Amino acid sequence: MNRPLWDKWWREERSGAMDSQSFAQAMEQWVNNSQHSGGTDPASWIEFTALNAVRMRRVAKTSKMPESLMALLDSGKCREQHWTLITESWCGDAAQTTPLIAAMADRAGVTLNWTLRDSGPKLIREFLTQGSESIPIWIIAGEDGTVLGQWGPRPGDLQSWISKERAKPNPLSKKEMAIQIQLWYARDRGKAFFGEVEPWLRALAETLGTR
């Protein structure tokens, strides 16, 4: 697949990307300054950013990584990968999964870059989900920048429920949908996410191992 934006960004050594510590510091600054990552977009995103800062800390502390996944990350089989997250401070789905991805990258010794959807290189245009710029998107590349795969914006079970709900004659309102999505994450506590991405990571590790 042709990805000129990605290729240019990679050649420029991921210009503008943040590591996990820098993104955490940016979140803190946005909250302290009553701002968000989306520039002059809706003021309601200030509230969402503050909520997400709390959610991200809670998810990082309470989610339990499966032992089989920890063993995979400890094995070094993912170390040749480079991970990139496309996200925004106000994204409710991102608050629930990006802390898990960051913890996995840290355990595996993998480079993880965070980049914003609505500013910078606009990488999201080359990583659409059914034609939409949904986030978060997790991209895994090889050492040469070749894209091996992408995941996102949310676990498949949750996405299936959302699709069915939206297809109803009288679907939930946007506000109620957001509430139900967060309740789903709270009940699931990362299990669906981990169960979905572990086999994906294993397959990618095997792909790199055969090169």
C-alpha atoms as a PDB file:
ATOM      1  CA  MET A   1       0.000   0.000   0.000  1.00  0.00           C
ATOM      2  CA  ASN A   2       1.300   3.445  -0.928  1.00  0.00           C
ATOM      3  CA  ARG A   3       1.761   5.694   2.138  1.00  0.00           C
ATOM      4  CA  PRO A   4       3.636   8.869   1.120  1.00  0.00           C
ATOM      5  CA  LEU A   5       2.793  10.755   4.342  1.00  0.00           C
ATOM      6  CA  TRP A   6       4.072   7.905   6.479  1.00  0.00           C
ATOM      7  CA  ASP A   7       7.189   7.460   4.341  1.00  0.00           C
ATOM      8  CA  LYS A   8       8.023  11.163   4.564  1.00  0.00           C
ATOM      9  CA  TRP A   9       7.460  11.191   8.322  1.00  0.00           C
ATOM     10  CA  TRP A  10       9.667   8.149   8.746  1.00  0.00           C
ATOM     11  CA  ARG A  11      12.468   9.669   6.645  1.00  0.00           C
ATOM     12  CA  GLU A  12      12.286  12.780   8.804  1.00  0.00           C
ATOM     13  CA  GLU A  13      12.870  10.591  11.867  1.00  0.00           C
ATOM     14  CA  ARG A  14       9.280  10.845  13.131  1.00  0.00           C
ATOM     15  CA  SER A  15       9.313  14.618  13.358  1.00  0.00           C
ATOM     16  CA  GLY A  16       7.010  15.999  16.053  1.00  0.00           C
ATOM     17  CA  ALA A  17       6.330  12.650  17.710  1.00  0.00           C
ATOM     18  CA  MET A  18       6.340  12.299  21.496  1.00  0.00           C
ATOM     19  CA  ASP A  19       7.497   9.452  23.684  1.00  0.00           C
ATOM     20  CA  SER A  20       5.233   8.203  26.474  1.00  0.00           C
ATOM     21  CA  GLN A  21       6.711  10.485  29.109  1.00  0.00           C
ATOM     22  CA  SER A  22       6.363  13.531  26.864  1.00  0.00           C
ATOM     23  CA  PHE A  23       2.741  12.706  26.077  1.00  0.00           C
ATOM     24  CA  ALA A  24       1.963  12.293  29.790  1.00  0.00           C
ATOM     25  CA  GLN A  25       3.541  15.687  30.440  1.00  0.00           C
ATOM     26  CA  ALA A  26       1.509  17.194  27.589  1.00  0.00           C
ATOM     27  CA  MET A  27      -1.694  15.753  29.068  1.00  0.00           C
ATOM     28  CA  GLU A  28      -0.828  17.311  32.433  1.00  0.00           C
ATOM     29  CA  GLN A  29      -0.154  20.661  30.797  1.00  0.00           C
ATOM     30  CA  TRP A  30      -3.401  20.598  28.822  1.00  0.00           C
ATOM     31  CA  VAL A  31      -5.351  19.831  31.979  1.00  0.00           C
ATOM     32  CA  ASN A  32      -3.591  22.465  34.088  1.00  0.00           C
ATOM     33  CA  ASN A  33      -4.148  25.109  31.399  1.00  0.00           C
ATOM     34  CA  SER A  34      -7.771  24.091  30.691  1.00  0.00           C
ATOM     35  CA  GLN A  35      -6.815  23.160  27.140  1.00  0.00           C
ATOM     36  CA  HIS A  36      -6.832  20.104  24.919  1.00  0.00           C
ATOM     37  CA  SER A  37      -4.807  18.782  22.014  1.00  0.00           C
ATOM     38  CA  GLY A  38      -7.277  19.894  19.344  1.00  0.00           C
ATOM     39  CA  GLY A  39      -6.447  23.580  19.108  1.00  0.00           C
ATOM     40  CA  THR A  40      -9.603  25.707  18.746  1.00  0.00           C
ATOM     41  CA  ASP A  41     -12.089  22.832  18.468  1.00  0.00           C
ATOM     42  CA  PRO A  42     -15.088  22.404  20.845  1.00  0.00           C
ATOM     43  CA  ALA A  43     -14.594  23.652  24.384  1.00  0.00           C
ATOM     44  CA  SER A  44     -16.215  20.431  25.647  1.00  0.00           C
ATOM     45  CA  TRP A  45     -12.984  18.672  24.709  1.00  0.00           C
ATOM     46  CA  ILE A  46     -11.334  20.447  27.656  1.00  0.00           C
ATOM     47  CA  GLU A  47     -13.602  18.478  29.982  1.00  0.00           C
ATOM     48  CA  PHE A  48     -12.981  15.246  28.094  1.00  0.00           C
ATOM     49  CA  THR A  49      -9.214  15.799  28.319  1.00  0.00           C
ATOM     50  CA  ALA A  50      -9.421  16.234  32.094  1.00  0.00           C
ATOM     51  CA  LEU A  51     -11.538  13.083  32.387  1.00  0.00           C
ATOM     52  CA  ASN A  52      -9.154  11.135  30.186  1.00  0.00           C
ATOM     53  CA  ALA A  53      -6.139  12.133  32.256  1.00  0.00           C
ATOM     54  CA  VAL A  54      -7.817  10.491  35.255  1.00  0.00           C
ATOM     55  CA  ARG A  55      -8.904   7.472  33.218  1.00  0.00           C
ATOM     56  CA  MET A  56      -5.426   6.905  31.815  1.00  0.00           C
ATOM     57  CA  ARG A  57      -3.870   6.860  35.264  1.00  0.00           C
ATOM     58  CA  ARG A  58      -6.549   4.470  36.537  1.00  0.00           C
ATOM     59  CA  VAL A  59      -6.212   2.117  33.562  1.00  0.00           C
ATOM     60  CA  ALA A  60      -2.432   2.018  33.927  1.00  0.00           C
ATOM     61  CA  LYS A  61      -2.759   1.061  37.605  1.00  0.00           C
ATOM     62  CA  THR A  62      -5.659  -1.406  37.518  1.00  0.00           C
ATOM     63  CA  SER A  63      -5.383  -3.382  34.273  1.00  0.00           C
ATOM     64  CA  LYS A  64      -3.669  -6.761  34.527  1.00  0.00           C
ATOM     65  CA  MET A  65      -1.640  -8.023  31.598  1.00  0.00           C
ATOM     66  CA  PRO A  66      -1.979 -11.780  30.917  1.00  0.00           C
ATOM     67  CA  GLU A  67       1.082 -13.848  31.822  1.00  0.00           C
ATOM     68  CA  SER A  68       1.287 -15.279  28.299  1.00  0.00           C
ATOM     69  CA  LEU A  69       1.454 -11.766  26.858  1.00  0.00           C
ATOM     70  CA  MET A  70       4.069 -10.707  29.391  1.00  0.00           C
ATOM     71  CA  ALA A  71       6.143 -13.735  28.387  1.00  0.00           C
ATOM     72  CA  LEU A  72       5.908 -12.753  24.720  1.00  0.00           C
ATOM     73  CA  LEU A  73       6.980  -9.183  25.454  1.00  0.00           C
ATOM     74  CA  ASP A  74       9.824 -10.391  27.688  1.00  0.00           C
ATOM     75  CA  SER A  75      11.072 -12.803  25.005  1.00  0.00           C
ATOM     76  CA  GLY A  76      12.516 -10.044  22.816  1.00  0.00           C
ATOM     77  CA  LYS A  77      10.512 -11.192  19.804  1.00  0.00           C
ATOM     78  CA  CYS A  78       8.895  -7.756  19.454  1.00  0.00           C
ATOM     79  CA  ARG A  79      12.071  -5.737  19.944  1.00  0.00           C
ATOM     80  CA  GLU A  80      12.664  -5.133  16.225  1.00  0.00           C
ATOM     81  CA  GLN A  81       9.242  -3.492  15.924  1.00  0.00           C
ATOM     82  CA  HIS A  82       8.515   0.243  16.067  1.00  0.00           C
ATOM     83  CA  TRP A  83       5.117   1.278  17.443  1.00  0.00           C
ATOM     84  CA  THR A  84       3.215   4.482  16.692  1.00  0.00           C
ATOM     85  CA  LEU A  85      -0.021   5.770  18.211  1.00  0.00           C
ATOM     86  CA  ILE A  86      -2.297   8.275  16.481  1.00  0.00           C
ATOM     87  CA  THR A  87      -4.488   9.868  19.135  1.00  0.00           C
ATOM     88  CA  GLU A  88      -5.871  13.038  20.749  1.00  0.00           C
ATOM     89  CA  SER A  89      -6.212  14.099  24.371  1.00  0.00           C
ATOM     90  CA  TRP A  90     -10.035  14.150  24.265  1.00  0.00           C
ATOM     91  CA  CYS A  91     -10.593  10.684  22.771  1.00  0.00           C
ATOM     92  CA  GLY A  92     -12.440   8.411  25.207  1.00  0.00           C
ATOM     93  CA  ASP A  93     -11.390   5.179  23.489  1.00  0.00           C
ATOM     94  CA  ALA A  94      -7.760   6.250  23.514  1.00  0.00           C
ATOM     95  CA  ALA A  95      -7.830   6.822  27.261  1.00  0.00           C
ATOM     96  CA  GLN A  96      -8.770   3.171  27.751  1.00  0.00           C
ATOM     97  CA  THR A  97      -6.249   1.484  25.456  1.00  0.00           C
ATOM     98  CA  THR A  98      -3.206   3.711  24.913  1.00  0.00           C
ATOM     99  CA  PRO A  99      -1.977   3.265  28.526  1.00  0.00           C
ATOM    100  CA  LEU A 100      -2.033  -0.501  27.925  1.00  0.00           C
ATOM    101  CA  ILE A 101      -0.059  -0.132  24.706  1.00  0.00           C
ATOM    102  CA  ALA A 102       2.449   2.113  26.474  1.00  0.00           C
ATOM    103  CA  ALA A 103       2.902  -0.482  29.244  1.00  0.00           C
ATOM    104  CA  MET A 104       3.430  -3.199  26.657  1.00  0.00           C
ATOM    105  CA  ALA A 105       5.997  -1.134  24.765  1.00  0.00           C
ATOM    106  CA  ASP A 106       7.856  -0.427  27.980  1.00  0.00           C
ATOM    107  CA  ARG A 107       7.954  -4.094  28.919  1.00  0.00           C
ATOM    108  CA  ALA A 108       9.039  -5.182  25.436  1.00  0.00           C
ATOM    109  CA  GLY A 109      11.705  -2.488  25.066  1.00  0.00           C
ATOM    110  CA  VAL A 110       9.965  -1.209  21.938  1.00  0.00           C
ATOM    111  CA  THR A 111      10.160   2.368  20.666  1.00  0.00           C
ATOM    112  CA  LEU A 112       6.714   3.975  20.967  1.00  0.00           C
ATOM    113  CA  ASN A 113       5.891   7.274  19.264  1.00  0.00           C
ATOM    114  CA  TRP A 114       2.737   9.280  20.004  1.00  0.00           C
ATOM    115  CA  THR A 115       1.424  11.612  17.306  1.00  0.00           C
ATOM    116  CA  LEU A 116      -1.726  13.732  17.166  1.00  0.00           C
ATOM    117  CA  ARG A 117      -4.394  13.124  14.545  1.00  0.00           C
ATOM    118  CA  ASP A 118      -5.368  16.727  13.862  1.00  0.00           C
ATOM    119  CA  SER A 119      -1.946  18.337  13.718  1.00  0.00           C
ATOM    120  CA  GLY A 120       1.513  17.399  12.523  1.00  0.00           C
ATOM    121  CA  PRO A 121       1.923  14.955   9.637  1.00  0.00           C
ATOM    122  CA  LYS A 122      -1.796  13.951   9.344  1.00  0.00           C
ATOM    123  CA  LEU A 123      -0.824  10.278   9.250  1.00  0.00           C
ATOM    124  CA  ILE A 124      -4.423   9.259   9.944  1.00  0.00           C
ATOM    125  CA  ARG A 125      -5.290   9.896   6.294  1.00  0.00           C
ATOM    126  CA  GLU A 126      -3.350   6.752   5.419  1.00  0.00           C
ATOM    127  CA  PHE A 127      -4.746   4.651   8.263  1.00  0.00           C
ATOM    128  CA  LEU A 128      -8.502   5.022   7.906  1.00  0.00           C
ATOM    129  CA  THR A 129     -11.093   2.736   9.473  1.00  0.00           C
ATOM    130  CA  GLN A 130     -13.838   2.041   6.946  1.00  0.00           C
ATOM    131  CA  GLY A 131     -13.142   5.456   5.450  1.00  0.00           C
ATOM    132  CA  SER A 132     -13.211   7.374   8.743  1.00  0.00           C
ATOM    133  CA  GLU A 133     -10.405   9.009  10.730  1.00  0.00           C
ATOM    134  CA  SER A 134     -11.200   7.049  13.882  1.00  0.00           C
ATOM    135  CA  ILE A 135      -8.713   7.017  16.750  1.00  0.00           C
ATOM    136  CA  PRO A 136      -6.736   5.669  18.435  1.00  0.00           C
ATOM    137  CA  ILE A 137      -4.791   3.843  15.761  1.00  0.00           C
ATOM    138  CA  TRP A 138      -1.812   1.696  16.736  1.00  0.00           C
ATOM    139  CA  ILE A 139       0.677   1.126  13.918  1.00  0.00           C
ATOM    140  CA  ILE A 140       3.434  -1.465  14.007  1.00  0.00           C
ATOM    141  CA  ALA A 141       6.366  -1.100  11.618  1.00  0.00           C
ATOM    142  CA  GLY A 142       9.649  -2.871  11.038  1.00  0.00           C
ATOM    143  CA  GLU A 143      13.039  -1.261  11.574  1.00  0.00           C
ATOM    144  CA  ASP A 144      13.006   0.080   8.000  1.00  0.00           C
ATOM    145  CA  GLY A 145       9.613   1.729   8.472  1.00  0.00           C
ATOM    146  CA  THR A 146       7.630  -0.880   6.558  1.00  0.00           C
ATOM    147  CA  VAL A 147       4.127  -0.978   8.012  1.00  0.00           C
ATOM    148  CA  LEU A 148       3.347  -4.478   9.263  1.00  0.00           C
ATOM    149  CA  GLY A 149      -0.136  -3.824  10.583  1.00  0.00           C
ATOM    150  CA  GLN A 150      -2.509  -1.557  12.463  1.00  0.00           C
ATOM    151  CA  TRP A 151      -5.029  -1.929  15.268  1.00  0.00           C
ATOM    152  CA  GLY A 152      -7.876   0.291  16.365  1.00  0.00           C
ATOM    153  CA  PRO A 153      -9.870   2.219  17.141  1.00  0.00           C
ATOM    154  CA  ARG A 154     -11.391  -0.149  19.723  1.00  0.00           C
ATOM    155  CA  PRO A 155     -11.755  -3.866  20.551  1.00  0.00           C
ATOM    156  CA  GLY A 156     -13.793  -5.831  18.057  1.00  0.00           C
ATOM    157  CA  ASP A 157     -16.502  -6.889  20.541  1.00  0.00           C
ATOM    158  CA  LEU A 158     -17.166  -3.277  21.466  1.00  0.00           C
ATOM    159  CA  GLN A 159     -17.097  -2.147  17.851  1.00  0.00           C
ATOM    160  CA  SER A 160     -19.635  -4.843  16.956  1.00  0.00           C
ATOM    161  CA  TRP A 161     -21.999  -3.643  19.696  1.00  0.00           C
ATOM    162  CA  ILE A 162     -21.649  -0.029  18.537  1.00  0.00           C
ATOM    163  CA  SER A 163     -22.375  -0.962  14.923  1.00  0.00           C
ATOM    164  CA  LYS A 164     -25.502  -2.880  15.922  1.00  0.00           C
ATOM    165  CA  GLU A 165     -26.707  -0.039  18.149  1.00  0.00           C
ATOM    166  CA  ARG A 166     -26.222   2.544  15.417  1.00  0.00           C
ATOM    167  CA  ALA A 167     -28.208   0.397  12.989  1.00  0.00           C
ATOM    168  CA  LYS A 168     -31.294   0.412  15.208  1.00  0.00           C
ATOM    169  CA  PRO A 169     -34.305   2.563  14.214  1.00  0.00           C
ATOM    170  CA  ASN A 170     -33.893   4.543  17.447  1.00  0.00           C
ATOM    171  CA  PRO A 171     -30.234   4.323  18.425  1.00  0.00           C
ATOM    172  CA  LEU A 172     -28.804   5.746  21.615  1.00  0.00           C
ATOM    173  CA  SER A 173     -27.927   9.422  21.608  1.00  0.00           C
ATOM    174  CA  LYS A 174     -24.276  10.341  21.158  1.00  0.00           C
ATOM    175  CA  LYS A 175     -24.022  11.247  24.845  1.00  0.00           C
ATOM    176  CA  GLU A 176     -25.623   8.014  26.047  1.00  0.00           C
ATOM    177  CA  MET A 177     -23.513   6.002  23.613  1.00  0.00           C
ATOM    178  CA  ALA A 178     -20.358   7.543  25.091  1.00  0.00           C
ATOM    179  CA  ILE A 179     -21.529   6.641  28.604  1.00  0.00           C
ATOM    180  CA  GLN A 180     -22.235   3.040  27.621  1.00  0.00           C
ATOM    181  CA  ILE A 181     -18.853   2.738  25.908  1.00  0.00           C
ATOM    182  CA  GLN A 182     -17.040   3.859  29.047  1.00  0.00           C
ATOM    183  CA  LEU A 183     -19.104   1.448  31.153  1.00  0.00           C
ATOM    184  CA  TRP A 184     -18.100  -1.358  28.782  1.00  0.00           C
ATOM    185  CA  TYR A 185     -14.431  -0.525  29.249  1.00  0.00           C
ATOM    186  CA  ALA A 186     -14.856  -0.337  33.035  1.00  0.00           C
ATOM    187  CA  ARG A 187     -16.422  -3.804  33.136  1.00  0.00           C
ATOM    188  CA  ASP A 188     -13.961  -5.348  30.707  1.00  0.00           C
ATOM    189  CA  ARG A 189     -10.781  -3.950  32.344  1.00  0.00           C
ATOM    190  CA  GLY A 190      -8.615  -4.590  29.292  1.00  0.00           C
ATOM    191  CA  LYS A 191      -9.428  -8.276  28.841  1.00  0.00           C
ATOM    192  CA  ALA A 192     -10.881  -7.951  25.335  1.00  0.00           C
ATOM    193  CA  PHE A 193      -8.029  -5.714  24.242  1.00  0.00           C
ATOM    194  CA  PHE A 194      -5.312  -8.041  25.498  1.00  0.00           C
ATOM    195  CA  GLY A 195      -7.085 -11.093  24.102  1.00  0.00           C
ATOM    196  CA  GLU A 196      -7.287  -9.462  20.687  1.00  0.00           C
ATOM    197  CA  VAL A 197      -3.791  -8.022  20.369  1.00  0.00           C
ATOM    198  CA  GLU A 198      -1.750 -10.916  21.774  1.00  0.00           C
ATOM    199  CA  PRO A 199      -2.270 -13.249  18.773  1.00  0.00           C
ATOM    200  CA  TRP A 200      -1.745 -10.269  16.471  1.00  0.00           C
ATOM    201  CA  LEU A 201       1.606  -9.492  18.091  1.00  0.00           C
ATOM    202  CA  ARG A 202       2.629 -13.140  17.926  1.00  0.00           C
ATOM    203  CA  ALA A 203       1.863 -13.284  14.219  1.00  0.00           C
ATOM    204  CA  LEU A 204       3.829 -10.089  13.528  1.00  0.00           C
ATOM    205  CA  ALA A 205       6.783 -11.351  15.561  1.00  0.00           C
ATOM    206  CA  GLU A 206       6.804 -14.519  13.485  1.00  0.00           C
ATOM    207  CA  THR A 207       6.672 -12.474  10.284  1.00  0.00           C
ATOM    208  CA  LEU A 208       9.773 -10.517  11.290  1.00  0.00           C
ATOM    209  CA  GLY A 209      11.473 -13.699  12.482  1.00  0.00           C
ATOM    210  CA  THR A 210      11.238 -15.256   9.017  1.00  0.00           C
ATOM    211  CA  ARG A 211      12.887 -12.307   7.233  1.00  0.00           C
END
